[in-house]
């Protein structure tokens, strides 16, 4: 009986090995966090260009342009001073209430505008998301950069107000830089968090103005921080003093003003600011990354 020849099996590389060799990955696969971060970094020029385009578009739609970036916080501070400083007279325990109030309004406004813009960074750019492939985290990070640029102009105005109201220039003014850097990373984490959350549950966007308003009232923006110690005790006071926005505002006031009463020792404020920044920036980034493949679908 004739023997049947058996063909030898193919000894070449497998499909998996070929894909790995040529840098191919599975379609729709969520990249690992380090890989995603490298990919995001490679799009840094796109992020900067997108942020610049948003600035140009926003300024081009009004006649005053960049002036509104300075007028808006000034108008808010003026209204709050009239209501809380004059009518309600919350300024009684603060020597330089104008600078105290403006610092709170400007610093809280920085986070407030980032959250508001970040909440729409995915839902308002669906056409771009569906048309182009890029790390979606580019969008909330870009809106954060837009508000950083606006904040730089606001800080110049705040410094002028502080000087005009009699505060001297001291070496502690240098603490403005690390405090604002920490707040920027904190804001970026918030923008990443709310952008994913609202892309999944759009109704939450309606609650954001109320959440921000309550947050402002709990951050000693409009009245001295001593009001909390006079009215709250125990865990309630501890909860308010752990508020990250209260912490950032206190750090800025401490840097720019002399003889300002703080809720906690300044060293403890810095420790808490660093902890909040790490938790919110990293947590928001990871939360956003986990939903990367779902943006623009459905």
C-alpha atoms as a PDB file:
ATOM      1  CA  UNK A   1       0.000   0.000   0.000  1.00  0.00           C
ATOM      2  CA  UNK A   2       1.384   3.372  -1.004  1.00  0.00           C
ATOM      3  CA  UNK A   3       2.246   5.649   1.850  1.00  0.00           C
ATOM      4  CA  UNK A   4       0.479   8.977   1.937  1.00  0.00           C
ATOM      5  CA  UNK A   5       2.803  11.966   2.101  1.00  0.00           C
ATOM      6  CA  UNK A   6       1.980  14.302   4.982  1.00  0.00           C
ATOM      7  CA  UNK A   7       2.622  17.996   4.341  1.00  0.00           C
ATOM      8  CA  UNK A   8       4.799  19.648   6.904  1.00  0.00           C
ATOM      9  CA  UNK A   9       3.131  22.332   8.950  1.00  0.00           C
ATOM     10  CA  UNK A  10       3.998  25.971   8.236  1.00  0.00           C
ATOM     11  CA  UNK A  11       6.919  26.995  10.427  1.00  0.00           C
ATOM     12  CA  UNK A  12       6.636  30.760   9.676  1.00  0.00           C
ATOM     13  CA  UNK A  13       5.710  33.422  12.258  1.00  0.00           C
ATOM     14  CA  UNK A  14       2.162  33.495  13.574  1.00  0.00           C
ATOM     15  CA  UNK A  15      -0.262  36.315  12.850  1.00  0.00           C
ATOM     16  CA  UNK A  16       0.145  37.573  16.412  1.00  0.00           C
ATOM     17  CA  UNK A  17       3.919  37.718  16.003  1.00  0.00           C
ATOM     18  CA  UNK A  18       3.618  39.510  12.648  1.00  0.00           C
ATOM     19  CA  UNK A  19       1.250  42.105  14.177  1.00  0.00           C
ATOM     20  CA  UNK A  20       3.628  42.719  17.079  1.00  0.00           C
ATOM     21  CA  UNK A  21       6.594  43.008  14.687  1.00  0.00           C
ATOM     22  CA  UNK A  22       4.886  45.687  12.577  1.00  0.00           C
ATOM     23  CA  UNK A  23       3.351  47.627  15.481  1.00  0.00           C
ATOM     24  CA  UNK A  24      -0.240  46.563  14.744  1.00  0.00           C
ATOM     25  CA  UNK A  25      -2.802  46.372  17.537  1.00  0.00           C
ATOM     26  CA  UNK A  26      -6.298  45.009  17.892  1.00  0.00           C
ATOM     27  CA  UNK A  27      -8.992  47.349  16.559  1.00  0.00           C
ATOM     28  CA  UNK A  28     -10.936  49.016  19.356  1.00  0.00           C
ATOM     29  CA  UNK A  29      -8.458  48.001  22.035  1.00  0.00           C
ATOM     30  CA  UNK A  30      -8.090  50.328  24.990  1.00  0.00           C
ATOM     31  CA  UNK A  31      -4.392  51.208  25.173  1.00  0.00           C
ATOM     32  CA  UNK A  32      -2.586  50.830  28.447  1.00  0.00           C
ATOM     33  CA  UNK A  33      -2.251  53.992  30.488  1.00  0.00           C
ATOM     34  CA  UNK A  34       1.494  54.576  29.791  1.00  0.00           C
ATOM     35  CA  UNK A  35       0.897  53.952  26.076  1.00  0.00           C
ATOM     36  CA  UNK A  36      -2.062  56.337  26.084  1.00  0.00           C
ATOM     37  CA  UNK A  37      -0.001  58.975  27.871  1.00  0.00           C
ATOM     38  CA  UNK A  38       2.779  58.736  25.268  1.00  0.00           C
ATOM     39  CA  UNK A  39       0.196  58.994  22.513  1.00  0.00           C
ATOM     40  CA  UNK A  40      -1.335  62.053  24.179  1.00  0.00           C
ATOM     41  CA  UNK A  41       2.094  63.684  24.522  1.00  0.00           C
ATOM     42  CA  UNK A  42       2.724  63.171  20.804  1.00  0.00           C
ATOM     43  CA  UNK A  43      -0.388  65.312  20.179  1.00  0.00           C
ATOM     44  CA  UNK A  44       0.830  68.225  22.307  1.00  0.00           C
ATOM     45  CA  UNK A  45       1.126  70.507  19.255  1.00  0.00           C
ATOM     46  CA  UNK A  46      -2.458  69.683  18.270  1.00  0.00           C
ATOM     47  CA  UNK A  47      -3.617  70.498  21.816  1.00  0.00           C
ATOM     48  CA  UNK A  48      -1.835  73.867  21.755  1.00  0.00           C
ATOM     49  CA  UNK A  49      -3.196  74.702  18.290  1.00  0.00           C
ATOM     50  CA  UNK A  50      -6.729  73.714  19.308  1.00  0.00           C
ATOM     51  CA  UNK A  51      -6.495  75.891  22.429  1.00  0.00           C
ATOM     52  CA  UNK A  52      -5.222  78.858  20.392  1.00  0.00           C
ATOM     53  CA  UNK A  53      -8.044  78.388  17.891  1.00  0.00           C
ATOM     54  CA  UNK A  54     -10.632  78.449  20.676  1.00  0.00           C
ATOM     55  CA  UNK A  55      -9.119  81.645  22.090  1.00  0.00           C
ATOM     56  CA  UNK A  56      -9.152  83.313  18.672  1.00  0.00           C
ATOM     57  CA  UNK A  57     -12.744  82.222  18.034  1.00  0.00           C
ATOM     58  CA  UNK A  58     -13.960  83.497  21.404  1.00  0.00           C
ATOM     59  CA  UNK A  59     -12.197  86.853  21.046  1.00  0.00           C
ATOM     60  CA  UNK A  60     -13.268  87.340  17.452  1.00  0.00           C
ATOM     61  CA  UNK A  61     -16.969  87.107  18.300  1.00  0.00           C
ATOM     62  CA  UNK A  62     -16.955  90.301  20.435  1.00  0.00           C
ATOM     63  CA  UNK A  63     -15.825  93.858  19.780  1.00  0.00           C
ATOM     64  CA  UNK A  64     -13.918  94.224  23.040  1.00  0.00           C
ATOM     65  CA  UNK A  65     -12.189  90.858  22.630  1.00  0.00           C
ATOM     66  CA  UNK A  66      -9.545  90.235  25.285  1.00  0.00           C
ATOM     67  CA  UNK A  67     -10.880  93.102  27.418  1.00  0.00           C
ATOM     68  CA  UNK A  68     -13.788  90.885  28.474  1.00  0.00           C
ATOM     69  CA  UNK A  69     -11.324  88.464  30.053  1.00  0.00           C
ATOM     70  CA  UNK A  70     -10.411  91.266  32.445  1.00  0.00           C
ATOM     71  CA  UNK A  71     -13.821  92.911  32.810  1.00  0.00           C
ATOM     72  CA  UNK A  72     -15.770  89.777  33.748  1.00  0.00           C
ATOM     73  CA  UNK A  73     -13.971  89.020  37.051  1.00  0.00           C
ATOM     74  CA  UNK A  74     -13.841  92.743  37.865  1.00  0.00           C
ATOM     75  CA  UNK A  75     -17.582  93.125  37.375  1.00  0.00           C
ATOM     76  CA  UNK A  76     -18.237  90.027  39.483  1.00  0.00           C
ATOM     77  CA  UNK A  77     -15.963  91.331  42.229  1.00  0.00           C
ATOM     78  CA  UNK A  78     -17.708  94.724  42.123  1.00  0.00           C
ATOM     79  CA  UNK A  79     -21.162  93.179  42.449  1.00  0.00           C
ATOM     80  CA  UNK A  80     -20.089  90.871  45.274  1.00  0.00           C
ATOM     81  CA  UNK A  81     -18.375  93.775  47.095  1.00  0.00           C
ATOM     82  CA  UNK A  82     -21.548  95.859  46.905  1.00  0.00           C
ATOM     83  CA  UNK A  83     -23.714  93.024  48.227  1.00  0.00           C
ATOM     84  CA  UNK A  84     -21.448  91.326  50.747  1.00  0.00           C
ATOM     85  CA  UNK A  85     -18.990  94.095  51.607  1.00  0.00           C
ATOM     86  CA  UNK A  86     -21.390  97.041  51.831  1.00  0.00           C
ATOM     87  CA  UNK A  87     -24.962  95.805  52.276  1.00  0.00           C
ATOM     88  CA  UNK A  88     -24.336  92.685  54.377  1.00  0.00           C
ATOM     89  CA  UNK A  89     -21.072  94.083  55.785  1.00  0.00           C
ATOM     90  CA  UNK A  90     -19.052  90.875  55.829  1.00  0.00           C
ATOM     91  CA  UNK A  91     -15.859  92.935  55.500  1.00  0.00           C
ATOM     92  CA  UNK A  92     -15.806  93.979  59.154  1.00  0.00           C
ATOM     93  CA  UNK A  93     -13.061  91.563  60.225  1.00  0.00           C
ATOM     94  CA  UNK A  94     -10.768  91.982  57.192  1.00  0.00           C
ATOM     95  CA  UNK A  95      -8.444  94.969  56.862  1.00  0.00           C
ATOM     96  CA  UNK A  96      -8.146  94.853  53.054  1.00  0.00           C
ATOM     97  CA  UNK A  97     -11.484  93.366  52.030  1.00  0.00           C
ATOM     98  CA  UNK A  98     -11.246  94.486  48.397  1.00  0.00           C
ATOM     99  CA  UNK A  99      -8.061  92.494  47.774  1.00  0.00           C
ATOM    100  CA  UNK A 100      -9.389  89.634  49.922  1.00  0.00           C
ATOM    101  CA  UNK A 101     -12.610  89.453  47.897  1.00  0.00           C
ATOM    102  CA  UNK A 102     -10.935  89.824  44.495  1.00  0.00           C
ATOM    103  CA  UNK A 103      -8.473  87.037  45.275  1.00  0.00           C
ATOM    104  CA  UNK A 104     -11.356  84.717  46.118  1.00  0.00           C
ATOM    105  CA  UNK A 105     -13.416  85.683  43.069  1.00  0.00           C
ATOM    106  CA  UNK A 106     -10.513  85.396  40.616  1.00  0.00           C
ATOM    107  CA  UNK A 107      -9.160  82.079  41.946  1.00  0.00           C
ATOM    108  CA  UNK A 108     -12.556  80.430  42.237  1.00  0.00           C
ATOM    109  CA  UNK A 109     -13.465  81.776  38.802  1.00  0.00           C
ATOM    110  CA  UNK A 110     -10.443  79.962  37.349  1.00  0.00           C
ATOM    111  CA  UNK A 111     -11.754  76.576  38.449  1.00  0.00           C
ATOM    112  CA  UNK A 112     -15.354  77.500  37.702  1.00  0.00           C
ATOM    113  CA  UNK A 113     -14.679  78.336  34.040  1.00  0.00           C
ATOM    114  CA  UNK A 114     -12.559  75.206  33.556  1.00  0.00           C
ATOM    115  CA  UNK A 115     -15.379  73.013  34.893  1.00  0.00           C
ATOM    116  CA  UNK A 116     -17.974  74.764  32.740  1.00  0.00           C
ATOM    117  CA  UNK A 117     -15.871  74.516  29.579  1.00  0.00           C
ATOM    118  CA  UNK A 118     -14.709  70.990  30.376  1.00  0.00           C
ATOM    119  CA  UNK A 119     -18.286  69.807  30.773  1.00  0.00           C
ATOM    120  CA  UNK A 120     -18.851  70.558  27.081  1.00  0.00           C
ATOM    121  CA  UNK A 121     -15.471  69.544  25.698  1.00  0.00           C
ATOM    122  CA  UNK A 122     -16.737  66.162  24.489  1.00  0.00           C
ATOM    123  CA  UNK A 123     -20.411  66.822  23.735  1.00  0.00           C
ATOM    124  CA  UNK A 124     -19.680  70.040  21.811  1.00  0.00           C
ATOM    125  CA  UNK A 125     -17.020  68.417  19.612  1.00  0.00           C
ATOM    126  CA  UNK A 126     -18.776  65.271  18.437  1.00  0.00           C
ATOM    127  CA  UNK A 127     -18.196  66.058  14.759  1.00  0.00           C
ATOM    128  CA  UNK A 128     -14.451  66.367  15.353  1.00  0.00           C
ATOM    129  CA  UNK A 129     -14.364  63.198  17.455  1.00  0.00           C
ATOM    130  CA  UNK A 130     -16.201  61.155  14.826  1.00  0.00           C
ATOM    131  CA  UNK A 131     -14.131  62.514  11.950  1.00  0.00           C
ATOM    132  CA  UNK A 132     -10.580  62.281  13.316  1.00  0.00           C
ATOM    133  CA  UNK A 133      -8.563  59.828  15.387  1.00  0.00           C
ATOM    134  CA  UNK A 134      -6.722  61.431  18.296  1.00  0.00           C
ATOM    135  CA  UNK A 135      -6.571  61.007  22.082  1.00  0.00           C
ATOM    136  CA  UNK A 136      -9.873  62.411  23.345  1.00  0.00           C
ATOM    137  CA  UNK A 137      -8.179  63.760  26.473  1.00  0.00           C
ATOM    138  CA  UNK A 138      -6.743  66.429  24.169  1.00  0.00           C
ATOM    139  CA  UNK A 139     -10.073  68.264  24.294  1.00  0.00           C
ATOM    140  CA  UNK A 140     -10.534  68.845  28.068  1.00  0.00           C
ATOM    141  CA  UNK A 141      -6.809  69.545  28.387  1.00  0.00           C
ATOM    142  CA  UNK A 142      -7.064  72.139  25.611  1.00  0.00           C
ATOM    143  CA  UNK A 143      -9.932  73.971  27.335  1.00  0.00           C
ATOM    144  CA  UNK A 144      -7.877  73.978  30.533  1.00  0.00           C
ATOM    145  CA  UNK A 145      -5.026  75.661  28.644  1.00  0.00           C
ATOM    146  CA  UNK A 146      -7.460  78.267  27.322  1.00  0.00           C
ATOM    147  CA  UNK A 147      -8.480  79.169  30.869  1.00  0.00           C
ATOM    148  CA  UNK A 148      -4.831  79.180  32.002  1.00  0.00           C
ATOM    149  CA  UNK A 149      -4.180  81.843  29.398  1.00  0.00           C
ATOM    150  CA  UNK A 150      -7.173  83.842  30.613  1.00  0.00           C
ATOM    151  CA  UNK A 151      -6.057  83.399  34.218  1.00  0.00           C
ATOM    152  CA  UNK A 152      -2.643  84.907  33.489  1.00  0.00           C
ATOM    153  CA  UNK A 153      -4.372  88.119  32.401  1.00  0.00           C
ATOM    154  CA  UNK A 154      -6.605  87.993  35.485  1.00  0.00           C
ATOM    155  CA  UNK A 155      -3.608  87.559  37.792  1.00  0.00           C
ATOM    156  CA  UNK A 156      -2.039  90.713  36.359  1.00  0.00           C
ATOM    157  CA  UNK A 157      -5.225  92.597  37.228  1.00  0.00           C
ATOM    158  CA  UNK A 158      -5.366  90.976  40.684  1.00  0.00           C
ATOM    159  CA  UNK A 159      -1.781  92.027  41.415  1.00  0.00           C
ATOM    160  CA  UNK A 160      -2.626  95.601  40.394  1.00  0.00           C
ATOM    161  CA  UNK A 161      -5.637  95.582  42.750  1.00  0.00           C
ATOM    162  CA  UNK A 162      -3.552  94.219  45.596  1.00  0.00           C
ATOM    163  CA  UNK A 163      -0.917  96.922  45.107  1.00  0.00           C
ATOM    164  CA  UNK A 164      -3.465  99.731  44.743  1.00  0.00           C
ATOM    165  CA  UNK A 165      -5.141  98.681  48.002  1.00  0.00           C
ATOM    166  CA  UNK A 166      -1.888  99.046  49.924  1.00  0.00           C
ATOM    167  CA  UNK A 167      -0.358  95.580  50.091  1.00  0.00           C
ATOM    168  CA  UNK A 168       3.475  95.565  49.850  1.00  0.00           C
ATOM    169  CA  UNK A 169       5.497  93.359  47.511  1.00  0.00           C
ATOM    170  CA  UNK A 170       7.126  90.560  49.497  1.00  0.00           C
ATOM    171  CA  UNK A 171       9.134  87.442  48.729  1.00  0.00           C
ATOM    172  CA  UNK A 172       6.010  85.383  49.479  1.00  0.00           C
ATOM    173  CA  UNK A 173       4.555  86.596  46.183  1.00  0.00           C
ATOM    174  CA  UNK A 174       6.735  83.938  44.559  1.00  0.00           C
ATOM    175  CA  UNK A 175       4.417  81.343  46.114  1.00  0.00           C
ATOM    176  CA  UNK A 176       1.829  82.402  43.537  1.00  0.00           C
ATOM    177  CA  UNK A 177       3.605  80.287  40.914  1.00  0.00           C
ATOM    178  CA  UNK A 178       3.506  76.862  42.629  1.00  0.00           C
ATOM    179  CA  UNK A 179      -0.008  77.529  43.954  1.00  0.00           C
ATOM    180  CA  UNK A 180      -1.346  78.290  40.476  1.00  0.00           C
ATOM    181  CA  UNK A 181       0.504  75.309  38.981  1.00  0.00           C
ATOM    182  CA  UNK A 182      -1.130  73.006  41.531  1.00  0.00           C
ATOM    183  CA  UNK A 183      -4.532  74.517  40.826  1.00  0.00           C
ATOM    184  CA  UNK A 184      -4.017  74.119  37.069  1.00  0.00           C
ATOM    185  CA  UNK A 185      -3.386  70.375  37.394  1.00  0.00           C
ATOM    186  CA  UNK A 186      -6.319  70.123  39.796  1.00  0.00           C
ATOM    187  CA  UNK A 187      -8.524  71.898  37.246  1.00  0.00           C
ATOM    188  CA  UNK A 188      -7.347  69.637  34.427  1.00  0.00           C
ATOM    189  CA  UNK A 189      -8.372  66.598  36.459  1.00  0.00           C
ATOM    190  CA  UNK A 190     -11.798  68.121  37.085  1.00  0.00           C
ATOM    191  CA  UNK A 191     -12.211  68.915  33.376  1.00  0.00           C
ATOM    192  CA  UNK A 192     -11.349  65.325  32.436  1.00  0.00           C
ATOM    193  CA  UNK A 193     -13.748  63.970  35.050  1.00  0.00           C
ATOM    194  CA  UNK A 194     -16.779  66.107  34.160  1.00  0.00           C
ATOM    195  CA  UNK A 195     -16.218  65.745  30.407  1.00  0.00           C
ATOM    196  CA  UNK A 196     -16.600  61.968  30.592  1.00  0.00           C
ATOM    197  CA  UNK A 197     -19.373  62.087  33.181  1.00  0.00           C
ATOM    198  CA  UNK A 198     -21.510  64.481  31.133  1.00  0.00           C
ATOM    199  CA  UNK A 199     -20.810  62.671  27.865  1.00  0.00           C
ATOM    200  CA  UNK A 200     -22.519  59.669  29.495  1.00  0.00           C
ATOM    201  CA  UNK A 201     -25.238  61.474  31.484  1.00  0.00           C
ATOM    202  CA  UNK A 202     -25.928  64.802  29.773  1.00  0.00           C
ATOM    203  CA  UNK A 203     -28.638  65.821  32.261  1.00  0.00           C
ATOM    204  CA  UNK A 204     -25.966  66.408  34.895  1.00  0.00           C
ATOM    205  CA  UNK A 205     -24.932  69.515  32.970  1.00  0.00           C
ATOM    206  CA  UNK A 206     -28.083  71.231  34.239  1.00  0.00           C
ATOM    207  CA  UNK A 207     -26.886  70.769  37.827  1.00  0.00           C
ATOM    208  CA  UNK A 208     -23.404  72.206  37.339  1.00  0.00           C
ATOM    209  CA  UNK A 209     -24.348  75.896  37.926  1.00  0.00           C
ATOM    210  CA  UNK A 210     -25.984  74.977  41.243  1.00  0.00           C
ATOM    211  CA  UNK A 211     -23.092  72.759  42.307  1.00  0.00           C
ATOM    212  CA  UNK A 212     -20.599  75.526  41.531  1.00  0.00           C
ATOM    213  CA  UNK A 213     -22.666  78.101  43.408  1.00  0.00           C
ATOM    214  CA  UNK A 214     -22.836  75.938  46.533  1.00  0.00           C
ATOM    215  CA  UNK A 215     -19.118  75.233  46.194  1.00  0.00           C
ATOM    216  CA  UNK A 216     -18.402  78.969  46.021  1.00  0.00           C
ATOM    217  CA  UNK A 217     -20.381  79.664  49.198  1.00  0.00           C
ATOM    218  CA  UNK A 218     -18.408  76.935  50.956  1.00  0.00           C
ATOM    219  CA  UNK A 219     -15.031  78.321  49.835  1.00  0.00           C
ATOM    220  CA  UNK A 220     -14.957  81.635  51.758  1.00  0.00           C
ATOM    221  CA  UNK A 221     -14.929  83.598  48.512  1.00  0.00           C
ATOM    222  CA  UNK A 222     -17.335  86.304  49.648  1.00  0.00           C
ATOM    223  CA  UNK A 223     -16.686  86.535  53.386  1.00  0.00           C
ATOM    224  CA  UNK A 224     -13.864  85.908  55.866  1.00  0.00           C
ATOM    225  CA  UNK A 225     -12.900  82.319  56.516  1.00  0.00           C
ATOM    226  CA  UNK A 226     -13.451  82.973  60.240  1.00  0.00           C
ATOM    227  CA  UNK A 227     -17.210  82.858  59.593  1.00  0.00           C
ATOM    228  CA  UNK A 228     -16.974  79.076  59.374  1.00  0.00           C
ATOM    229  CA  UNK A 229     -15.126  78.692  62.677  1.00  0.00           C
ATOM    230  CA  UNK A 230     -17.754  80.885  64.380  1.00  0.00           C
ATOM    231  CA  UNK A 231     -20.708  78.886  63.074  1.00  0.00           C
ATOM    232  CA  UNK A 232     -19.482  75.318  62.541  1.00  0.00           C
ATOM    233  CA  UNK A 233     -17.854  72.781  64.850  1.00  0.00           C
ATOM    234  CA  UNK A 234     -16.479  69.250  64.775  1.00  0.00           C
ATOM    235  CA  UNK A 235     -16.762  67.248  61.560  1.00  0.00           C
ATOM    236  CA  UNK A 236     -18.706  70.042  59.826  1.00  0.00           C
ATOM    237  CA  UNK A 237     -15.844  72.505  60.274  1.00  0.00           C
ATOM    238  CA  UNK A 238     -13.278  69.848  59.307  1.00  0.00           C
ATOM    239  CA  UNK A 239     -15.238  69.099  56.127  1.00  0.00           C
ATOM    240  CA  UNK A 240     -15.371  72.759  55.096  1.00  0.00           C
ATOM    241  CA  UNK A 241     -11.678  73.325  55.856  1.00  0.00           C
ATOM    242  CA  UNK A 242     -10.776  70.328  53.672  1.00  0.00           C
ATOM    243  CA  UNK A 243     -12.528  71.961  50.706  1.00  0.00           C
ATOM    244  CA  UNK A 244      -9.842  72.134  47.959  1.00  0.00           C
ATOM    245  CA  UNK A 245     -11.040  75.481  46.614  1.00  0.00           C
ATOM    246  CA  UNK A 246     -10.892  77.002  50.092  1.00  0.00           C
ATOM    247  CA  UNK A 247      -7.317  75.703  50.318  1.00  0.00           C
ATOM    248  CA  UNK A 248      -6.209  77.172  46.973  1.00  0.00           C
ATOM    249  CA  UNK A 249      -7.839  80.530  47.739  1.00  0.00           C
ATOM    250  CA  UNK A 250      -6.199  80.633  51.158  1.00  0.00           C
ATOM    251  CA  UNK A 251      -2.772  79.966  49.602  1.00  0.00           C
ATOM    252  CA  UNK A 252      -3.185  82.826  47.130  1.00  0.00           C
ATOM    253  CA  UNK A 253      -4.375  85.214  49.839  1.00  0.00           C
ATOM    254  CA  UNK A 254      -1.454  84.238  52.039  1.00  0.00           C
ATOM    255  CA  UNK A 255       0.976  84.864  49.170  1.00  0.00           C
ATOM    256  CA  UNK A 256      -0.364  88.303  48.222  1.00  0.00           C
ATOM    257  CA  UNK A 257      -1.591  89.773  51.503  1.00  0.00           C
ATOM    258  CA  UNK A 258      -0.143  90.518  54.917  1.00  0.00           C
ATOM    259  CA  UNK A 259      -1.986  89.982  58.199  1.00  0.00           C
ATOM    260  CA  UNK A 260      -4.601  87.699  56.650  1.00  0.00           C
ATOM    261  CA  UNK A 261      -6.256  85.123  58.889  1.00  0.00           C
ATOM    262  CA  UNK A 262      -6.049  81.574  57.551  1.00  0.00           C
ATOM    263  CA  UNK A 263      -8.296  78.625  58.301  1.00  0.00           C
ATOM    264  CA  UNK A 264      -5.285  76.383  59.007  1.00  0.00           C
ATOM    265  CA  UNK A 265      -1.486  76.685  59.301  1.00  0.00           C
ATOM    266  CA  UNK A 266       0.059  77.487  55.934  1.00  0.00           C
ATOM    267  CA  UNK A 267       2.209  74.352  55.927  1.00  0.00           C
ATOM    268  CA  UNK A 268      -0.866  72.175  56.336  1.00  0.00           C
ATOM    269  CA  UNK A 269      -2.582  74.074  53.513  1.00  0.00           C
ATOM    270  CA  UNK A 270       0.301  73.245  51.154  1.00  0.00           C
ATOM    271  CA  UNK A 271       0.222  69.568  52.094  1.00  0.00           C
ATOM    272  CA  UNK A 272      -3.524  69.401  51.502  1.00  0.00           C
ATOM    273  CA  UNK A 273      -3.209  71.255  48.187  1.00  0.00           C
ATOM    274  CA  UNK A 274      -0.632  68.738  46.947  1.00  0.00           C
ATOM    275  CA  UNK A 275      -2.769  65.787  48.048  1.00  0.00           C
ATOM    276  CA  UNK A 276      -5.889  67.169  46.368  1.00  0.00           C
ATOM    277  CA  UNK A 277      -3.941  67.920  43.180  1.00  0.00           C
ATOM    278  CA  UNK A 278      -2.527  64.389  42.929  1.00  0.00           C
ATOM    279  CA  UNK A 279      -5.862  62.726  43.708  1.00  0.00           C
ATOM    280  CA  UNK A 280      -7.992  64.815  41.354  1.00  0.00           C
ATOM    281  CA  UNK A 281      -5.556  65.168  38.443  1.00  0.00           C
ATOM    282  CA  UNK A 282      -4.566  61.480  38.361  1.00  0.00           C
ATOM    283  CA  UNK A 283      -8.033  60.222  39.266  1.00  0.00           C
ATOM    284  CA  UNK A 284      -9.705  62.374  36.611  1.00  0.00           C
ATOM    285  CA  UNK A 285      -7.157  61.288  34.023  1.00  0.00           C
ATOM    286  CA  UNK A 286      -7.633  57.585  34.743  1.00  0.00           C
ATOM    287  CA  UNK A 287     -11.430  57.950  34.799  1.00  0.00           C
ATOM    288  CA  UNK A 288     -11.375  59.679  31.417  1.00  0.00           C
ATOM    289  CA  UNK A 289      -8.936  57.166  29.935  1.00  0.00           C
ATOM    290  CA  UNK A 290     -11.168  54.255  30.924  1.00  0.00           C
ATOM    291  CA  UNK A 291     -13.902  55.669  28.664  1.00  0.00           C
ATOM    292  CA  UNK A 292     -11.647  56.508  25.717  1.00  0.00           C
ATOM    293  CA  UNK A 293     -13.252  54.043  23.295  1.00  0.00           C
ATOM    294  CA  UNK A 294     -16.801  55.181  24.043  1.00  0.00           C
ATOM    295  CA  UNK A 295     -16.579  58.863  23.115  1.00  0.00           C
ATOM    296  CA  UNK A 296     -18.504  59.733  19.971  1.00  0.00           C
ATOM    297  CA  UNK A 297     -20.455  56.473  19.884  1.00  0.00           C
ATOM    298  CA  UNK A 298     -24.135  55.979  20.380  1.00  0.00           C
END
